[in-house]
N, C-alpha and C. Protein backbone atom coordinates (compact mmCIF):
# COMPACT_ATOMS: atom_id res chain seq x y z
N MET A 1 -24.69 10.25 22.69
CA MET A 1 -23.78 9.21 22.26
C MET A 1 -22.42 9.83 21.92
N THR A 2 -21.37 9.28 22.44
CA THR A 2 -20.03 9.76 22.17
C THR A 2 -19.53 9.15 20.86
N GLU A 3 -18.97 10.01 20.03
CA GLU A 3 -18.41 9.54 18.76
C GLU A 3 -16.98 9.08 19.01
N ILE A 4 -16.74 7.80 18.84
CA ILE A 4 -15.41 7.22 19.02
C ILE A 4 -14.91 6.81 17.64
N PRO A 5 -13.70 7.20 17.30
CA PRO A 5 -13.19 6.81 15.98
C PRO A 5 -12.64 5.39 16.00
N ARG A 6 -12.63 4.79 14.86
CA ARG A 6 -11.99 3.48 14.70
C ARG A 6 -10.99 3.62 13.56
N PHE A 7 -9.74 3.29 13.85
CA PHE A 7 -8.67 3.33 12.86
C PHE A 7 -8.48 1.91 12.35
N ASN A 8 -8.79 1.70 11.07
CA ASN A 8 -8.74 0.37 10.46
C ASN A 8 -7.53 0.29 9.54
N PHE A 9 -6.67 -0.67 9.76
CA PHE A 9 -5.50 -0.85 8.91
C PHE A 9 -5.75 -2.03 7.98
N ILE A 10 -5.60 -1.78 6.70
CA ILE A 10 -5.93 -2.76 5.68
C ILE A 10 -4.68 -3.08 4.85
N GLU A 11 -4.37 -4.37 4.78
CA GLU A 11 -3.25 -4.85 3.96
C GLU A 11 -3.73 -5.10 2.54
N LEU A 12 -2.88 -4.79 1.60
CA LEU A 12 -3.16 -5.10 0.20
C LEU A 12 -2.29 -6.28 -0.17
N GLN A 13 -2.90 -7.30 -0.73
CA GLN A 13 -2.17 -8.50 -1.11
C GLN A 13 -2.51 -8.89 -2.54
N THR A 14 -1.58 -9.56 -3.17
CA THR A 14 -1.81 -10.08 -4.51
C THR A 14 -1.73 -11.60 -4.46
N ASP A 15 -2.74 -12.22 -4.95
CA ASP A 15 -2.81 -13.68 -4.98
C ASP A 15 -3.00 -14.12 -6.43
N ARG A 16 -2.25 -15.13 -6.86
CA ARG A 16 -2.37 -15.58 -8.25
C ARG A 16 -3.79 -16.01 -8.59
N ASN A 17 -4.46 -16.65 -7.65
CA ASN A 17 -5.80 -17.16 -7.91
C ASN A 17 -6.90 -16.11 -7.75
N PHE A 18 -6.71 -15.19 -6.80
CA PHE A 18 -7.78 -14.25 -6.47
C PHE A 18 -7.47 -12.81 -6.89
N GLY A 19 -6.30 -12.54 -7.41
CA GLY A 19 -5.95 -11.18 -7.80
C GLY A 19 -5.63 -10.33 -6.57
N HIS A 20 -6.03 -9.08 -6.61
CA HIS A 20 -5.77 -8.18 -5.49
C HIS A 20 -6.84 -8.37 -4.41
N THR A 21 -6.38 -8.52 -3.18
CA THR A 21 -7.30 -8.68 -2.06
C THR A 21 -6.94 -7.69 -0.97
N GLU A 22 -7.91 -7.37 -0.13
CA GLU A 22 -7.70 -6.50 1.02
C GLU A 22 -8.08 -7.26 2.27
N HIS A 23 -7.35 -6.98 3.34
CA HIS A 23 -7.57 -7.69 4.59
C HIS A 23 -7.38 -6.72 5.75
N ILE A 24 -8.41 -6.52 6.57
CA ILE A 24 -8.25 -5.69 7.77
C ILE A 24 -7.47 -6.51 8.78
N TYR A 25 -6.31 -6.02 9.19
CA TYR A 25 -5.46 -6.80 10.08
C TYR A 25 -5.23 -6.14 11.43
N PHE A 26 -5.58 -4.87 11.57
CA PHE A 26 -5.37 -4.19 12.84
C PHE A 26 -6.40 -3.08 12.99
N VAL A 27 -7.02 -3.01 14.16
CA VAL A 27 -8.03 -1.99 14.46
C VAL A 27 -7.74 -1.44 15.84
N THR A 28 -7.83 -0.11 15.97
CA THR A 28 -7.67 0.51 17.28
C THR A 28 -8.55 1.74 17.36
N THR A 29 -8.88 2.15 18.58
CA THR A 29 -9.63 3.39 18.80
C THR A 29 -8.73 4.45 19.42
N ASP A 30 -7.46 4.12 19.62
CA ASP A 30 -6.50 5.04 20.24
C ASP A 30 -5.69 5.77 19.16
N VAL A 31 -5.74 7.10 19.17
CA VAL A 31 -5.06 7.90 18.14
C VAL A 31 -3.55 7.67 18.18
N ASP A 32 -2.94 7.69 19.36
CA ASP A 32 -1.49 7.52 19.45
C ASP A 32 -1.05 6.15 18.97
N GLU A 33 -1.79 5.12 19.31
CA GLU A 33 -1.47 3.77 18.85
C GLU A 33 -1.61 3.69 17.32
N ALA A 34 -2.64 4.35 16.78
CA ALA A 34 -2.82 4.37 15.33
C ALA A 34 -1.66 5.07 14.64
N VAL A 35 -1.22 6.19 15.19
CA VAL A 35 -0.09 6.93 14.60
C VAL A 35 1.17 6.10 14.63
N ASP A 36 1.46 5.48 15.76
CA ASP A 36 2.67 4.64 15.87
C ASP A 36 2.65 3.50 14.85
N HIS A 37 1.51 2.84 14.74
CA HIS A 37 1.40 1.73 13.79
C HIS A 37 1.51 2.23 12.35
N TYR A 38 0.87 3.34 12.06
CA TYR A 38 0.91 3.94 10.72
C TYR A 38 2.33 4.27 10.31
N LEU A 39 3.06 4.95 11.19
CA LEU A 39 4.44 5.34 10.86
C LEU A 39 5.35 4.12 10.73
N HIS A 40 5.12 3.11 11.55
CA HIS A 40 5.89 1.87 11.45
C HIS A 40 5.68 1.22 10.08
N LYS A 41 4.44 1.15 9.62
CA LYS A 41 4.14 0.54 8.33
C LYS A 41 4.70 1.38 7.18
N VAL A 42 4.64 2.70 7.30
CA VAL A 42 5.19 3.58 6.26
C VAL A 42 6.69 3.37 6.14
N ARG A 43 7.37 3.28 7.27
CA ARG A 43 8.83 3.08 7.26
C ARG A 43 9.22 1.73 6.66
N GLU A 44 8.36 0.74 6.84
CA GLU A 44 8.62 -0.60 6.26
C GLU A 44 8.25 -0.68 4.78
N HIS A 45 7.62 0.34 4.25
CA HIS A 45 7.17 0.38 2.86
C HIS A 45 6.20 -0.75 2.54
N ASN A 46 5.36 -1.09 3.51
CA ASN A 46 4.35 -2.13 3.30
C ASN A 46 3.15 -1.58 2.54
N PRO A 47 2.58 -2.36 1.63
CA PRO A 47 1.37 -1.91 0.93
C PRO A 47 0.15 -1.99 1.86
N PHE A 48 -0.31 -0.85 2.32
CA PHE A 48 -1.44 -0.80 3.22
C PHE A 48 -2.14 0.55 3.05
N TYR A 49 -3.32 0.64 3.62
CA TYR A 49 -3.94 1.94 3.81
C TYR A 49 -4.74 1.88 5.10
N MET A 50 -5.16 3.03 5.57
CA MET A 50 -5.88 3.12 6.83
C MET A 50 -7.14 3.94 6.59
N THR A 51 -8.22 3.52 7.23
CA THR A 51 -9.44 4.33 7.21
C THR A 51 -9.75 4.76 8.63
N ILE A 52 -10.40 5.91 8.74
CA ILE A 52 -10.92 6.39 10.02
C ILE A 52 -12.43 6.35 9.87
N SER A 53 -13.06 5.60 10.76
CA SER A 53 -14.51 5.41 10.64
C SER A 53 -15.15 5.51 12.02
N SER A 54 -16.49 5.43 12.01
CA SER A 54 -17.21 5.33 13.27
C SER A 54 -16.85 3.98 13.89
N VAL A 55 -17.05 3.85 15.18
CA VAL A 55 -16.65 2.63 15.88
C VAL A 55 -17.39 1.40 15.33
N ASP A 56 -18.59 1.60 14.80
CA ASP A 56 -19.33 0.48 14.22
C ASP A 56 -18.96 0.23 12.75
N GLY A 57 -18.11 1.10 12.19
CA GLY A 57 -17.64 0.92 10.83
C GLY A 57 -18.58 1.40 9.75
N ARG A 58 -19.73 1.98 10.12
CA ARG A 58 -20.71 2.37 9.10
C ARG A 58 -20.37 3.69 8.41
N ILE A 59 -19.75 4.62 9.12
CA ILE A 59 -19.42 5.92 8.54
C ILE A 59 -17.91 5.99 8.34
N CYS A 60 -17.46 6.07 7.10
CA CYS A 60 -16.04 6.24 6.81
C CYS A 60 -15.77 7.73 6.64
N VAL A 61 -14.91 8.26 7.47
CA VAL A 61 -14.62 9.69 7.50
C VAL A 61 -13.45 10.03 6.59
N ALA A 62 -12.39 9.22 6.65
CA ALA A 62 -11.18 9.54 5.90
C ALA A 62 -10.42 8.26 5.57
N LYS A 63 -9.58 8.38 4.55
CA LYS A 63 -8.73 7.28 4.11
C LYS A 63 -7.33 7.85 3.96
N SER A 64 -6.34 7.09 4.36
CA SER A 64 -4.97 7.58 4.27
C SER A 64 -4.04 6.47 3.81
N HIS A 65 -3.09 6.84 2.96
CA HIS A 65 -2.09 5.87 2.52
C HIS A 65 -0.79 6.62 2.27
N GLY A 66 0.16 6.39 3.12
CA GLY A 66 1.48 7.01 2.95
C GLY A 66 1.55 8.45 3.40
N LEU A 67 2.68 9.05 3.09
CA LEU A 67 2.94 10.43 3.48
C LEU A 67 2.84 11.35 2.28
N SER A 68 2.71 12.64 2.57
CA SER A 68 2.69 13.65 1.52
C SER A 68 4.03 13.63 0.78
N SER A 69 4.09 14.28 -0.35
CA SER A 69 5.32 14.26 -1.15
C SER A 69 6.51 14.86 -0.41
N ASP A 70 6.27 15.80 0.51
CA ASP A 70 7.38 16.38 1.27
C ASP A 70 7.64 15.62 2.57
N LYS A 71 6.93 14.50 2.79
CA LYS A 71 7.13 13.60 3.94
C LYS A 71 6.93 14.28 5.30
N THR A 72 6.02 15.28 5.37
CA THR A 72 5.79 16.00 6.62
C THR A 72 4.44 15.69 7.25
N LYS A 73 3.55 15.01 6.52
CA LYS A 73 2.21 14.72 7.05
C LYS A 73 1.61 13.54 6.29
N PRO A 74 0.58 12.93 6.87
CA PRO A 74 -0.07 11.82 6.16
C PRO A 74 -0.89 12.34 4.99
N ARG A 75 -1.00 11.52 3.97
CA ARG A 75 -1.87 11.83 2.84
C ARG A 75 -3.29 11.41 3.24
N ILE A 76 -4.18 12.38 3.39
CA ILE A 76 -5.55 12.12 3.86
C ILE A 76 -6.54 12.46 2.76
N ILE A 77 -7.49 11.56 2.55
CA ILE A 77 -8.58 11.80 1.62
C ILE A 77 -9.86 11.81 2.45
N ARG A 78 -10.55 12.93 2.46
CA ARG A 78 -11.83 13.02 3.19
C ARG A 78 -12.86 12.20 2.41
N MET A 79 -13.56 11.33 3.12
CA MET A 79 -14.48 10.42 2.46
C MET A 79 -15.95 10.80 2.62
N ASN A 80 -16.28 11.63 3.61
CA ASN A 80 -17.67 11.94 3.87
C ASN A 80 -17.84 13.44 4.00
N SER A 81 -18.22 14.09 2.93
CA SER A 81 -18.35 15.55 2.94
C SER A 81 -19.65 16.01 3.60
N ASP A 82 -20.54 15.07 3.95
CA ASP A 82 -21.80 15.44 4.60
C ASP A 82 -21.62 15.79 6.07
N LEU A 83 -20.51 15.40 6.67
CA LEU A 83 -20.29 15.65 8.09
C LEU A 83 -19.87 17.10 8.31
N ASN A 84 -20.43 17.71 9.33
CA ASN A 84 -20.07 19.08 9.68
C ASN A 84 -18.73 19.06 10.39
N PRO A 85 -17.67 19.63 9.78
CA PRO A 85 -16.33 19.54 10.36
C PRO A 85 -16.20 20.20 11.73
N LYS A 86 -17.04 21.18 12.03
CA LYS A 86 -16.93 21.87 13.32
C LYS A 86 -17.69 21.16 14.43
N ALA A 87 -18.67 20.37 14.06
CA ALA A 87 -19.51 19.72 15.07
C ALA A 87 -19.27 18.22 15.19
N CYS A 88 -18.38 17.69 14.41
CA CYS A 88 -18.19 16.24 14.35
C CYS A 88 -16.88 15.83 15.02
N ASN A 89 -16.98 14.96 16.00
CA ASN A 89 -15.78 14.47 16.68
C ASN A 89 -14.89 13.65 15.77
N TYR A 90 -15.46 13.00 14.74
CA TYR A 90 -14.64 12.22 13.82
C TYR A 90 -13.64 13.12 13.12
N THR A 91 -14.07 14.32 12.75
CA THR A 91 -13.18 15.28 12.12
C THR A 91 -12.11 15.72 13.10
N LEU A 92 -12.50 15.91 14.34
CA LEU A 92 -11.51 16.28 15.37
C LEU A 92 -10.46 15.19 15.52
N TYR A 93 -10.88 13.93 15.51
CA TYR A 93 -9.93 12.82 15.63
C TYR A 93 -9.04 12.72 14.39
N THR A 94 -9.61 12.99 13.21
CA THR A 94 -8.80 13.00 11.99
C THR A 94 -7.74 14.08 12.07
N ASN A 95 -8.13 15.26 12.52
CA ASN A 95 -7.17 16.36 12.67
C ASN A 95 -6.12 16.04 13.73
N LYS A 96 -6.54 15.38 14.82
CA LYS A 96 -5.58 14.98 15.86
C LYS A 96 -4.59 13.96 15.29
N PHE A 97 -5.07 13.04 14.47
CA PHE A 97 -4.20 12.06 13.83
C PHE A 97 -3.15 12.78 12.98
N ILE A 98 -3.58 13.73 12.16
CA ILE A 98 -2.68 14.47 11.29
C ILE A 98 -1.64 15.23 12.11
N LYS A 99 -2.08 15.93 13.15
CA LYS A 99 -1.16 16.71 14.00
C LYS A 99 -0.16 15.80 14.71
N THR A 100 -0.61 14.65 15.18
CA THR A 100 0.28 13.73 15.89
C THR A 100 1.33 13.15 14.94
N VAL A 101 0.93 12.81 13.71
CA VAL A 101 1.91 12.32 12.73
C VAL A 101 2.93 13.40 12.44
N ARG A 102 2.46 14.62 12.22
CA ARG A 102 3.39 15.73 11.93
C ARG A 102 4.39 15.92 13.07
N ARG A 103 3.89 15.87 14.29
CA ARG A 103 4.76 16.06 15.47
C ARG A 103 5.81 14.96 15.55
N LYS A 104 5.40 13.72 15.30
CA LYS A 104 6.35 12.59 15.41
C LYS A 104 7.35 12.56 14.26
N LEU A 105 6.99 13.16 13.13
CA LEU A 105 7.91 13.21 12.00
C LEU A 105 8.96 14.30 12.15
N ASN A 106 8.66 15.31 12.94
CA ASN A 106 9.61 16.42 13.12
C ASN A 106 10.56 16.19 14.26
């Protein structure tokens, strides 16, 4: 079975009646499309975050929201420490996402 990543973009909203809510509004399996969308949202200063998960959404590998303090890379939080980073394609896709963001920022 091929491990395909899913990049989930989640909007954060505040509603007077319901308080803070989250809404998945964009999903892609393409790293370049995810990077372009991520950087677009960061530049707009929209309240959002992104998760990288298995294509079925059961395994969450990483979560990201915004850029590092020096604005050179995405802020990534590893969510699943049980995965072997050398043998897992999800980790490879996470690293590709980070490298692609860095390249587009420079």
